[in-house]
Amino acid sequence: MHVLLFLDVSGGELLVILLFVLLFFGSKGVPEVARTMGRALRQFRDATAEVQREIEKGAGEVKKGFEEQRKTFRIEPPEHVTSQGSMAVPTSPAAEHPSASAPLAAPPEKPADSASNGG
């Protein structure tokens, strides 16, 4: 029967690794090595959790800013589109404001008097 362990290490391989650690660090050094590895793993997990919190915080700020911008710049449908989505007949500006279609009149010119010219 094949038992899979962490990183696909079998029982015999794990025994060789533990024997190497015991020979290299001694019986008194093994608990210290285990403690150090545990602390390192905890610091790594804390660091990854902090990064994840920062990413979520940044994403929340971006989402909040987007929602504020969306409320500020509410897009209204054009006036010529009805609520059913069909196109309505656009009215001409002249029908709404008759003076809008009339050309601008030039100011009246003063008649040129020969007496006022001085000569």
N, C-alpha and C. Protein backbone atom coordinates (compact mmCIF):
# COMPACT_ATOMS: atom_id res chain seq x y z
N MET A 1 0.85 -1.18 0.00
CA MET A 1 0.00 0.00 0.00
C MET A 1 0.89 1.24 0.00
N HIS A 2 0.58 2.17 -0.90
CA HIS A 2 1.38 3.38 -1.07
C HIS A 2 0.71 4.53 -0.33
N VAL A 3 1.41 5.12 0.63
CA VAL A 3 0.87 6.23 1.41
C VAL A 3 1.54 7.51 0.95
N LEU A 4 0.73 8.48 0.52
CA LEU A 4 1.28 9.76 0.09
C LEU A 4 1.39 10.71 1.28
N LEU A 5 2.54 11.29 1.42
CA LEU A 5 2.75 12.27 2.47
C LEU A 5 3.00 13.63 1.84
N PHE A 6 3.33 14.60 2.65
CA PHE A 6 3.58 15.97 2.19
C PHE A 6 4.63 15.98 1.09
N LEU A 7 4.34 16.62 -0.03
CA LEU A 7 5.22 16.74 -1.19
C LEU A 7 5.61 15.39 -1.76
N ASP A 8 4.72 14.43 -1.68
CA ASP A 8 4.92 13.10 -2.24
C ASP A 8 6.19 12.43 -1.69
N VAL A 9 6.38 12.54 -0.39
CA VAL A 9 7.52 11.91 0.29
C VAL A 9 6.98 10.65 0.95
N SER A 10 7.61 9.52 0.62
CA SER A 10 7.14 8.26 1.21
C SER A 10 7.71 8.09 2.61
N GLY A 11 7.28 7.07 3.28
CA GLY A 11 7.71 6.81 4.66
C GLY A 11 9.21 6.61 4.78
N GLY A 12 9.80 5.85 3.85
CA GLY A 12 11.24 5.60 3.90
C GLY A 12 12.04 6.89 3.68
N GLU A 13 11.58 7.69 2.75
CA GLU A 13 12.27 8.97 2.48
C GLU A 13 12.16 9.90 3.68
N LEU A 14 11.00 9.91 4.32
CA LEU A 14 10.82 10.75 5.50
C LEU A 14 11.73 10.29 6.64
N LEU A 15 11.89 8.99 6.79
CA LEU A 15 12.78 8.45 7.82
C LEU A 15 14.23 8.87 7.57
N VAL A 16 14.66 8.85 6.32
CA VAL A 16 16.02 9.29 5.98
C VAL A 16 16.20 10.78 6.28
N ILE A 17 15.21 11.57 5.97
CA ILE A 17 15.29 13.02 6.23
C ILE A 17 15.37 13.28 7.72
N LEU A 18 14.54 12.61 8.52
CA LEU A 18 14.56 12.80 9.98
C LEU A 18 15.89 12.33 10.58
N LEU A 19 16.44 11.23 10.06
CA LEU A 19 17.74 10.75 10.53
C LEU A 19 18.83 11.77 10.22
N PHE A 20 18.79 12.37 9.03
CA PHE A 20 19.77 13.40 8.65
C PHE A 20 19.66 14.61 9.58
N VAL A 21 18.44 15.05 9.86
CA VAL A 21 18.24 16.20 10.76
C VAL A 21 18.77 15.87 12.15
N LEU A 22 18.50 14.69 12.64
CA LEU A 22 18.97 14.28 13.96
C LEU A 22 20.50 14.24 14.03
N LEU A 23 21.13 13.70 12.98
CA LEU A 23 22.60 13.64 12.96
C LEU A 23 23.21 15.04 12.80
N PHE A 24 22.60 15.86 11.99
CA PHE A 24 23.16 17.18 11.70
C PHE A 24 23.01 18.13 12.88
N PHE A 25 21.83 18.13 13.53
CA PHE A 25 21.55 19.10 14.60
C PHE A 25 21.68 18.49 16.00
N GLY A 26 21.71 17.21 16.14
CA GLY A 26 21.79 16.58 17.45
C GLY A 26 20.43 16.52 18.11
N SER A 27 20.35 15.72 19.19
CA SER A 27 19.06 15.52 19.86
C SER A 27 18.58 16.78 20.56
N LYS A 28 19.49 17.61 21.01
CA LYS A 28 19.07 18.85 21.69
C LYS A 28 18.73 19.96 20.69
N GLY A 29 19.25 19.89 19.48
CA GLY A 29 19.01 20.94 18.48
C GLY A 29 17.73 20.75 17.69
N VAL A 30 17.19 19.53 17.65
CA VAL A 30 15.99 19.25 16.86
C VAL A 30 14.79 20.07 17.34
N PRO A 31 14.51 20.16 18.66
CA PRO A 31 13.38 20.98 19.09
C PRO A 31 13.55 22.46 18.72
N GLU A 32 14.78 22.94 18.79
CA GLU A 32 15.03 24.35 18.42
C GLU A 32 14.81 24.57 16.93
N VAL A 33 15.23 23.63 16.11
CA VAL A 33 15.01 23.72 14.66
C VAL A 33 13.51 23.69 14.37
N ALA A 34 12.78 22.80 15.04
CA ALA A 34 11.34 22.71 14.83
C ALA A 34 10.65 24.01 15.26
N ARG A 35 11.10 24.58 16.39
CA ARG A 35 10.54 25.84 16.87
C ARG A 35 10.81 26.96 15.87
N THR A 36 12.03 27.03 15.37
CA THR A 36 12.40 28.06 14.40
C THR A 36 11.59 27.92 13.12
N MET A 37 11.42 26.70 12.65
CA MET A 37 10.62 26.48 11.44
C MET A 37 9.15 26.85 11.68
N GLY A 38 8.63 26.55 12.87
CA GLY A 38 7.26 26.92 13.21
C GLY A 38 7.07 28.43 13.23
N ARG A 39 8.05 29.14 13.80
CA ARG A 39 7.97 30.61 13.84
C ARG A 39 8.03 31.19 12.43
N ALA A 40 8.93 30.64 11.62
CA ALA A 40 9.07 31.13 10.25
C ALA A 40 7.78 30.89 9.46
N LEU A 41 7.18 29.73 9.65
CA LEU A 41 5.93 29.43 8.96
C LEU A 41 4.81 30.35 9.43
N ARG A 42 4.75 30.63 10.75
CA ARG A 42 3.74 31.54 11.27
C ARG A 42 3.94 32.95 10.72
N GLN A 43 5.20 33.42 10.65
CA GLN A 43 5.47 34.76 10.10
C GLN A 43 5.10 34.82 8.62
N PHE A 44 5.36 33.74 7.91
CA PHE A 44 4.99 33.70 6.50
C PHE A 44 3.48 33.79 6.33
N ARG A 45 2.75 33.03 7.15
CA ARG A 45 1.28 33.07 7.09
C ARG A 45 0.74 34.45 7.47
N ASP A 46 1.33 35.07 8.50
CA ASP A 46 0.90 36.41 8.90
C ASP A 46 1.17 37.43 7.79
N ALA A 47 2.32 37.29 7.14
CA ALA A 47 2.66 38.22 6.06
C ALA A 47 1.70 38.06 4.88
N THR A 48 1.38 36.82 4.53
CA THR A 48 0.45 36.61 3.42
C THR A 48 -0.95 37.11 3.78
N ALA A 49 -1.35 36.93 5.04
CA ALA A 49 -2.66 37.44 5.46
C ALA A 49 -2.68 38.97 5.42
N GLU A 50 -1.57 39.62 5.79
CA GLU A 50 -1.49 41.08 5.75
C GLU A 50 -1.55 41.58 4.31
N VAL A 51 -0.86 40.91 3.41
CA VAL A 51 -0.91 41.30 2.00
C VAL A 51 -2.32 41.14 1.47
N GLN A 52 -2.98 40.05 1.84
CA GLN A 52 -4.35 39.83 1.39
C GLN A 52 -5.29 40.91 1.92
N ARG A 53 -5.11 41.30 3.20
CA ARG A 53 -5.94 42.37 3.76
C ARG A 53 -5.71 43.69 3.03
N GLU A 54 -4.46 44.00 2.70
CA GLU A 54 -4.15 45.23 1.98
C GLU A 54 -4.77 45.23 0.59
N ILE A 55 -4.72 44.08 -0.07
CA ILE A 55 -5.32 43.99 -1.41
C ILE A 55 -6.83 44.19 -1.32
N GLU A 56 -7.47 43.54 -0.34
CA GLU A 56 -8.92 43.69 -0.18
C GLU A 56 -9.28 45.12 0.19
N LYS A 57 -8.46 45.77 1.02
CA LYS A 57 -8.70 47.16 1.40
C LYS A 57 -8.59 48.07 0.17
N GLY A 58 -7.57 47.87 -0.63
CA GLY A 58 -7.40 48.66 -1.85
C GLY A 58 -8.55 48.44 -2.83
N ALA A 59 -8.96 47.19 -2.97
CA ALA A 59 -10.08 46.90 -3.87
C ALA A 59 -11.36 47.53 -3.36
N GLY A 60 -11.55 47.55 -2.05
CA GLY A 60 -12.74 48.19 -1.47
C GLY A 60 -12.74 49.68 -1.71
N GLU A 61 -11.55 50.32 -1.61
CA GLU A 61 -11.46 51.76 -1.86
C GLU A 61 -11.74 52.07 -3.33
N VAL A 62 -11.23 51.24 -4.22
CA VAL A 62 -11.49 51.45 -5.65
C VAL A 62 -12.98 51.29 -5.94
N LYS A 63 -13.58 50.28 -5.35
CA LYS A 63 -15.02 50.05 -5.57
C LYS A 63 -15.84 51.21 -5.02
N LYS A 64 -15.45 51.71 -3.85
CA LYS A 64 -16.17 52.83 -3.25
C LYS A 64 -16.04 54.07 -4.13
N GLY A 65 -14.83 54.34 -4.62
CA GLY A 65 -14.63 55.48 -5.52
C GLY A 65 -15.42 55.34 -6.80
N PHE A 66 -15.48 54.12 -7.33
CA PHE A 66 -16.26 53.88 -8.54
C PHE A 66 -17.74 54.15 -8.30
N GLU A 67 -18.25 53.68 -7.17
CA GLU A 67 -19.67 53.91 -6.85
C GLU A 67 -19.97 55.40 -6.69
N GLU A 68 -19.04 56.14 -6.06
CA GLU A 68 -19.24 57.58 -5.90
C GLU A 68 -19.24 58.27 -7.26
N GLN A 69 -18.33 57.90 -8.14
CA GLN A 69 -18.29 58.48 -9.47
C GLN A 69 -19.55 58.12 -10.26
N ARG A 70 -20.01 56.91 -10.08
CA ARG A 70 -21.20 56.48 -10.79
C ARG A 70 -22.42 57.28 -10.34
N LYS A 71 -22.49 57.57 -9.04
CA LYS A 71 -23.61 58.38 -8.54
C LYS A 71 -23.50 59.81 -9.02
N THR A 72 -22.27 60.33 -9.08
CA THR A 72 -22.06 61.71 -9.50
C THR A 72 -22.39 61.89 -10.97
N PHE A 73 -21.94 60.98 -11.80
CA PHE A 73 -22.12 61.09 -13.24
C PHE A 73 -23.17 60.10 -13.72
N ARG A 74 -24.37 60.26 -13.22
CA ARG A 74 -25.45 59.36 -13.63
C ARG A 74 -25.77 59.62 -15.09
N ILE A 75 -25.75 58.58 -15.87
CA ILE A 75 -25.99 58.70 -17.31
C ILE A 75 -27.49 58.59 -17.54
N GLU A 76 -28.05 59.63 -18.12
CA GLU A 76 -29.47 59.65 -18.46
C GLU A 76 -29.61 59.27 -19.93
N PRO A 77 -30.70 58.59 -20.27
CA PRO A 77 -30.91 58.27 -21.69
C PRO A 77 -31.18 59.55 -22.47
N PRO A 78 -30.83 59.58 -23.74
CA PRO A 78 -31.08 60.78 -24.56
C PRO A 78 -32.56 61.10 -24.59
N GLU A 79 -32.87 62.38 -24.83
CA GLU A 79 -34.26 62.83 -24.80
C GLU A 79 -35.08 62.22 -25.92
N HIS A 80 -34.48 61.93 -27.06
CA HIS A 80 -35.24 61.42 -28.19
C HIS A 80 -35.53 59.93 -28.09
N VAL A 81 -35.05 59.25 -27.03
CA VAL A 81 -35.35 57.84 -26.83
C VAL A 81 -36.42 57.74 -25.77
N THR A 82 -37.51 57.05 -26.08
CA THR A 82 -38.60 56.90 -25.13
C THR A 82 -38.27 55.78 -24.16
N SER A 83 -39.11 55.60 -23.17
CA SER A 83 -38.86 54.59 -22.15
C SER A 83 -38.94 53.17 -22.71
N GLN A 84 -39.69 52.96 -23.82
CA GLN A 84 -39.79 51.64 -24.41
C GLN A 84 -38.58 51.34 -25.29
N GLY A 85 -37.74 52.30 -25.51
CA GLY A 85 -36.55 52.08 -26.30
C GLY A 85 -36.73 52.40 -27.77
N SER A 86 -37.95 52.77 -28.20
CA SER A 86 -38.14 53.12 -29.61
C SER A 86 -37.78 54.58 -29.80
N MET A 87 -37.46 54.89 -31.01
CA MET A 87 -37.05 56.26 -31.32
C MET A 87 -38.30 57.14 -31.47
N ALA A 88 -38.30 58.27 -30.83
CA ALA A 88 -39.39 59.22 -30.98
C ALA A 88 -39.03 60.17 -32.10
N VAL A 89 -40.01 60.83 -32.66
CA VAL A 89 -39.77 61.79 -33.73
C VAL A 89 -39.17 63.04 -33.11
N PRO A 90 -37.96 63.39 -33.52
CA PRO A 90 -37.36 64.59 -32.94
C PRO A 90 -38.07 65.84 -33.43
N THR A 91 -38.20 66.77 -32.56
CA THR A 91 -38.83 68.03 -32.92
C THR A 91 -37.74 69.00 -33.31
N SER A 92 -38.08 69.91 -34.20
CA SER A 92 -37.09 70.90 -34.64
C SER A 92 -37.00 72.00 -33.60
N PRO A 93 -35.86 72.62 -33.48
CA PRO A 93 -35.74 73.71 -32.52
C PRO A 93 -36.66 74.87 -32.85
N ALA A 94 -37.03 75.02 -34.13
CA ALA A 94 -37.90 76.12 -34.53
C ALA A 94 -39.30 75.93 -33.96
N ALA A 95 -39.72 74.68 -33.83
CA ALA A 95 -41.05 74.42 -33.29
C ALA A 95 -41.09 74.76 -31.81
N GLU A 96 -39.98 74.56 -31.11
CA GLU A 96 -39.95 74.87 -29.70
C GLU A 96 -39.76 76.36 -29.45
N HIS A 97 -38.86 76.96 -30.17
CA HIS A 97 -38.54 78.38 -30.00
C HIS A 97 -38.49 79.02 -31.39
N PRO A 98 -39.52 79.75 -31.77
CA PRO A 98 -39.54 80.35 -33.11
C PRO A 98 -38.37 81.30 -33.34
N SER A 99 -37.92 81.97 -32.30
CA SER A 99 -36.83 82.92 -32.50
C SER A 99 -35.51 82.21 -32.72
N ALA A 100 -35.44 80.94 -32.39
CA ALA A 100 -34.19 80.23 -32.54
C ALA A 100 -33.85 79.97 -33.99
N SER A 101 -34.89 79.81 -34.85
CA SER A 101 -34.61 79.52 -36.25
C SER A 101 -34.46 80.78 -37.09
N ALA A 102 -34.89 81.92 -36.60
CA ALA A 102 -34.80 83.17 -37.36
C ALA A 102 -33.36 83.64 -37.34
N PRO A 103 -32.87 84.11 -38.49
CA PRO A 103 -31.51 84.62 -38.51
C PRO A 103 -31.41 85.90 -37.69
N LEU A 104 -30.24 86.11 -37.18
CA LEU A 104 -30.04 87.31 -36.39
C LEU A 104 -30.12 88.53 -37.31
N ALA A 105 -30.87 89.50 -36.88
CA ALA A 105 -31.03 90.72 -37.68
C ALA A 105 -29.87 91.66 -37.39
N ALA A 106 -29.41 92.30 -38.43
CA ALA A 106 -28.33 93.26 -38.27
C ALA A 106 -28.90 94.52 -37.63
N PRO A 107 -28.13 95.21 -36.82
CA PRO A 107 -28.64 96.44 -36.22
C PRO A 107 -28.92 97.48 -37.32
N PRO A 108 -29.93 98.26 -37.09
CA PRO A 108 -30.28 99.26 -38.13
C PRO A 108 -29.13 100.26 -38.29
N GLU A 109 -28.86 100.56 -39.56
CA GLU A 109 -27.79 101.52 -39.83
C GLU A 109 -28.36 102.93 -39.81
N LYS A 110 -27.53 103.83 -39.38
CA LYS A 110 -27.94 105.24 -39.36
C LYS A 110 -27.82 105.80 -40.76
N PRO A 111 -28.78 106.58 -41.17
CA PRO A 111 -28.69 107.19 -42.52
C PRO A 111 -27.51 108.17 -42.56
N ALA A 112 -26.82 108.12 -43.62
CA ALA A 112 -25.67 109.01 -43.77
C ALA A 112 -26.17 110.38 -44.21
N ASP A 113 -26.02 111.35 -43.37
CA ASP A 113 -26.42 112.73 -43.70
C ASP A 113 -25.23 113.44 -44.30
N SER A 114 -25.49 114.18 -45.34
CA SER A 114 -24.41 114.94 -45.95
C SER A 114 -24.02 116.12 -45.06
N ALA A 115 -24.96 116.55 -44.23
CA ALA A 115 -24.68 117.69 -43.35
C ALA A 115 -23.80 117.24 -42.19
N SER A 116 -23.97 115.98 -41.76
CA SER A 116 -23.20 115.54 -40.61
C SER A 116 -21.78 115.16 -40.99
N ASN A 117 -21.54 114.97 -42.29
CA ASN A 117 -20.22 114.62 -42.74
C ASN A 117 -19.30 115.82 -42.78
N GLY A 118 -19.85 116.98 -42.74
CA GLY A 118 -19.03 118.18 -42.73
C GLY A 118 -18.62 118.58 -44.11
N GLY A 119 -19.30 118.23 -45.11
CA GLY A 119 -18.79 118.70 -46.32
C GLY A 119 -19.58 118.66 -47.46
